[in-house]
Amino acid sequence: MQEKKPSPLQTAHCKLPTGQEGFTLAALIVILTIIAIMIAYTVPKQWSLVMKRERDRHTIFLMKQFARGVHNWRTKHPGTLPGSLEQLQDARSPLMIRGGGDWPCPLTGKVEDWILVPPNAVTPPNAPVPPPGGGLGSPSQQTGAQNPTGTGSRLNKELSPKDYKGQFIGVRPNATGESFVALNGAENYDEWVYTADDLVNEINQRMAALNSR
């Protein structure tokens, strides 16, 4: 009976040094470890940024809902503004805010952390903007300088303190620091503002864009 010879593949496998197999496995483990470390350091940070951006967007969304409620109030009661969030929340005929408006500020998680913005604390969209220290009759008003189109209202923080109570045209968050999403050009939370005038301006811009098509 003739003895069966091993195949070339079996012969090559037998000649492969066992040390090389161990080296290949160790190199693979090192590469996988490096990849795991990179994922561990990169993914949580990226996910955190995504969550913070979504939190900012949700805050802006709620600010716009409050502004819509103020606009509805002003339409129902010409020449007046609501004096508290409760007035908007309790109004039923017509409904000023969907769902009652009992919304916590996403930046702080607290319902009471919305700051009321009085009408004199903002420069409305497309309105003359006086320079620092300027007032009525300032050079910017005389030359017709205006809030840049699309930037929205500008906030005077000194006229919108945290403990303000009275008629308001919008709300802003009780938060400080650099935001992850800019609102009307403002990149700090304590400069954010969105009012009923911003809402009307936004609606008019959309209507103008549709009519120009």
Protein backbone atom coordinates (compact mmCIF):
# COMPACT_ATOMS: atom_id res chain seq x y z
CA MET A 1 0.00 0.00 0.00
CA GLN A 2 1.51 3.36 -1.10
CA GLU A 3 1.88 6.01 1.61
CA LYS A 4 -0.14 9.19 1.01
CA LYS A 5 1.98 12.31 0.65
CA PRO A 6 0.89 15.54 2.46
CA SER A 7 -0.49 18.33 0.31
CA PRO A 8 1.58 21.50 -0.36
CA LEU A 9 -0.83 23.52 1.85
CA GLN A 10 -0.33 21.12 4.76
CA THR A 11 3.44 21.22 4.23
CA ALA A 12 3.46 25.05 4.23
CA HIS A 13 1.37 25.11 7.40
CA CYS A 14 3.75 22.75 9.14
CA LYS A 15 6.71 24.93 8.22
CA LEU A 16 5.06 28.15 9.65
CA PRO A 17 6.93 29.10 12.82
CA THR A 18 4.71 29.07 15.89
CA GLY A 19 6.29 32.32 17.09
CA GLN A 20 4.93 34.17 14.06
CA GLU A 21 1.40 33.05 14.90
CA GLY A 22 1.78 34.49 18.38
CA PHE A 23 3.18 37.75 17.05
CA THR A 24 0.25 38.16 14.62
CA LEU A 25 -2.28 37.57 17.38
CA ALA A 26 -0.53 40.02 19.73
CA ALA A 27 -0.43 42.70 17.02
CA LEU A 28 -4.16 42.23 16.37
CA ILE A 29 -4.91 42.58 20.08
CA VAL A 30 -2.86 45.80 20.27
CA ILE A 31 -4.67 47.29 17.26
CA LEU A 32 -8.09 46.42 18.68
CA THR A 33 -7.10 47.90 22.05
CA ILE A 34 -6.03 51.17 20.41
CA ILE A 35 -9.31 51.35 18.48
CA ALA A 36 -11.30 50.68 21.67
CA ILE A 37 -9.43 53.46 23.50
CA MET A 38 -10.06 55.92 20.66
CA ILE A 39 -13.76 55.07 20.68
CA ALA A 40 -13.94 55.39 24.46
CA TYR A 41 -12.45 58.90 24.36
CA THR A 42 -14.13 60.17 21.19
CA VAL A 43 -17.71 58.87 21.13
CA PRO A 44 -18.84 60.12 24.59
CA LYS A 45 -17.53 63.63 23.83
CA GLN A 46 -19.22 63.73 20.44
CA TRP A 47 -22.45 62.40 21.93
CA SER A 48 -22.28 65.02 24.68
CA LEU A 49 -21.95 67.79 22.09
CA VAL A 50 -24.92 66.41 20.17
CA MET A 51 -27.04 66.37 23.33
CA LYS A 52 -26.05 69.93 24.24
CA ARG A 53 -26.93 71.19 20.77
CA GLU A 54 -30.31 69.46 20.97
CA ARG A 55 -30.89 71.02 24.39
CA ASP A 56 -30.17 74.46 22.93
CA ARG A 57 -32.52 73.84 20.01
CA HIS A 58 -35.28 72.71 22.39
CA THR A 59 -34.80 75.85 24.48
CA ILE A 60 -35.13 78.04 21.37
CA PHE A 61 -38.23 76.09 20.32
CA LEU A 62 -39.91 76.79 23.67
CA MET A 63 -38.91 80.46 23.55
CA LYS A 64 -40.67 80.65 20.18
CA GLN A 65 -43.76 78.99 21.63
CA PHE A 66 -43.91 81.59 24.39
CA ALA A 67 -43.45 84.34 21.78
CA ARG A 68 -46.35 82.85 19.80
CA GLY A 69 -48.46 82.93 22.96
CA VAL A 70 -47.61 86.61 23.49
CA HIS A 71 -48.49 87.32 19.86
CA ASN A 72 -51.84 85.56 20.27
CA TRP A 73 -52.51 87.57 23.43
CA ARG A 74 -51.64 90.82 21.68
CA THR A 75 -53.97 89.90 18.81
CA LYS A 76 -56.81 89.13 21.21
CA HIS A 77 -56.15 92.16 23.42
CA PRO A 78 -54.83 94.94 21.12
CA GLY A 79 -52.49 97.40 22.77
CA THR A 80 -51.71 95.16 25.75
CA LEU A 81 -49.25 92.46 26.71
CA PRO A 82 -49.56 89.60 29.23
CA GLY A 83 -48.28 90.36 32.72
CA SER A 84 -47.21 86.85 33.70
CA LEU A 85 -46.68 83.38 32.29
CA GLU A 86 -49.72 82.25 34.24
CA GLN A 87 -51.95 84.53 32.15
CA LEU A 88 -50.80 82.76 29.00
CA GLN A 89 -51.04 79.34 30.59
CA ASP A 90 -54.53 79.88 32.01
CA ALA A 91 -56.06 81.49 28.91
CA ARG A 92 -58.52 79.13 27.26
CA SER A 93 -60.76 81.22 24.98
CA PRO A 94 -58.80 81.35 22.80
CA LEU A 95 -56.00 79.05 23.86
CA MET A 96 -52.76 81.08 23.99
CA ILE A 97 -50.26 78.27 24.55
CA ARG A 98 -50.74 74.67 23.54
CA GLY A 99 -50.38 72.25 26.44
CA GLY A 100 -50.64 75.01 29.03
CA GLY A 101 -47.02 76.13 28.66
CA ASP A 102 -45.87 74.57 31.94
CA TRP A 103 -42.46 73.85 30.44
CA PRO A 104 -39.19 73.67 32.38
CA CYS A 105 -36.23 75.48 30.86
CA PRO A 106 -34.16 72.75 29.13
CA LEU A 107 -30.92 74.46 30.16
CA THR A 108 -31.69 74.24 33.88
CA GLY A 109 -34.56 71.78 34.15
CA LYS A 110 -36.63 74.25 36.20
CA VAL A 111 -40.01 75.74 35.29
CA GLU A 112 -39.26 78.94 37.18
CA ASP A 113 -36.04 79.61 35.25
CA TRP A 114 -37.68 81.61 32.47
CA ILE A 115 -36.91 85.33 32.68
CA LEU A 116 -39.60 87.70 31.44
CA VAL A 117 -38.40 90.23 28.86
CA PRO A 118 -40.12 93.64 29.07
CA PRO A 119 -40.76 95.43 25.76
CA ASN A 120 -38.30 98.25 26.58
CA ALA A 121 -35.45 95.74 27.06
CA VAL A 122 -35.18 94.85 23.38
CA THR A 123 -34.40 96.59 20.12
CA PRO A 124 -36.94 95.09 17.68
CA PRO A 125 -35.92 93.62 14.33
CA ASN A 126 -35.21 96.26 11.66
CA ALA A 127 -35.54 99.09 14.21
CA PRO A 128 -32.99 101.93 14.53
CA VAL A 129 -30.13 100.90 16.82
CA PRO A 130 -28.54 103.66 18.92
CA PRO A 131 -24.80 103.38 19.63
CA PRO A 132 -23.56 102.70 23.21
CA GLY A 133 -24.68 105.62 25.34
CA GLY A 134 -26.98 106.86 22.58
CA GLY A 135 -30.63 107.67 23.03
CA LEU A 136 -33.43 109.34 21.16
CA GLY A 137 -32.10 111.50 18.41
CA SER A 138 -28.75 109.67 18.39
CA PRO A 139 -26.66 109.78 15.17
CA SER A 140 -27.57 106.19 14.29
CA GLN A 141 -31.27 107.02 14.35
CA GLN A 142 -30.73 110.20 12.37
CA THR A 143 -28.85 108.31 9.65
CA GLY A 144 -31.32 105.43 9.65
CA ALA A 145 -28.93 102.73 10.95
CA GLN A 146 -30.92 99.59 11.61
CA ASN A 147 -30.71 96.18 13.18
CA PRO A 148 -29.22 93.98 10.41
CA THR A 149 -31.87 92.01 8.56
CA GLY A 150 -32.26 88.49 9.92
CA THR A 151 -30.47 89.15 13.21
CA GLY A 152 -33.67 89.62 15.19
CA SER A 153 -34.14 91.56 18.41
CA ARG A 154 -31.22 92.75 20.54
CA LEU A 155 -31.39 92.41 24.32
CA ASN A 156 -30.44 94.98 26.94
CA LYS A 157 -29.78 92.68 29.90
CA GLU A 158 -29.84 95.50 32.43
CA LEU A 159 -33.50 96.14 31.58
CA SER A 160 -34.44 92.46 31.86
CA PRO A 161 -33.43 91.40 35.39
CA LYS A 162 -34.11 87.91 36.72
CA ASP A 163 -36.71 89.14 39.20
CA TYR A 164 -38.66 91.28 36.70
CA LYS A 165 -42.44 91.09 36.97
CA GLY A 166 -44.83 92.86 34.64
CA GLN A 167 -45.80 93.02 31.00
CA PHE A 168 -43.46 91.06 28.76
CA ILE A 169 -42.93 90.47 25.06
CA GLY A 170 -40.87 87.28 25.29
CA VAL A 171 -38.85 85.10 27.62
CA ARG A 172 -35.20 84.15 27.93
CA PRO A 173 -33.38 81.41 29.84
CA ASN A 174 -31.84 81.98 33.26
CA ALA A 175 -28.44 80.70 32.13
CA THR A 176 -24.98 82.00 31.35
CA GLY A 177 -22.04 80.84 29.28
CA GLU A 178 -21.36 80.22 25.61
CA SER A 179 -24.16 78.48 23.75
CA PHE A 180 -23.74 75.68 21.24
CA VAL A 181 -26.38 77.18 18.93
CA ALA A 182 -26.54 80.87 18.06
CA LEU A 183 -29.90 82.63 18.33
CA ASN A 184 -30.27 85.74 16.15
CA GLY A 185 -26.50 86.13 16.19
CA ALA A 186 -26.22 85.84 20.00
CA GLU A 187 -23.77 83.13 21.09
CA ASN A 188 -24.18 83.48 24.86
CA TYR A 189 -27.20 82.28 26.80
CA ASP A 190 -27.61 85.55 28.69
CA GLU A 191 -27.89 87.41 25.35
CA TRP A 192 -30.58 85.15 23.90
CA VAL A 193 -33.97 86.72 23.23
CA TYR A 194 -36.90 85.90 20.98
CA THR A 195 -40.01 88.06 21.11
CA ALA A 196 -43.43 88.32 19.53
CA ASP A 197 -41.90 90.93 17.19
CA ASP A 198 -39.33 88.37 16.05
CA LEU A 199 -42.15 85.95 15.33
CA VAL A 200 -44.02 88.51 13.22
CA ASN A 201 -40.81 89.44 11.41
CA GLU A 202 -40.10 85.78 10.69
CA ILE A 203 -43.62 85.24 9.35
CA ASN A 204 -43.36 88.31 7.12
CA GLN A 205 -40.01 87.14 5.73
CA ARG A 206 -41.47 83.76 4.86
CA MET A 207 -44.48 85.33 3.18
CA ALA A 208 -42.22 87.65 1.20
CA ALA A 209 -40.09 84.69 0.10
CA LEU A 210 -43.18 82.79 -1.07
CA ASN A 211 -44.57 85.78 -2.94
CA SER A 212 -41.25 86.34 -4.72
CA ARG A 213 -41.29 82.89 -6.28
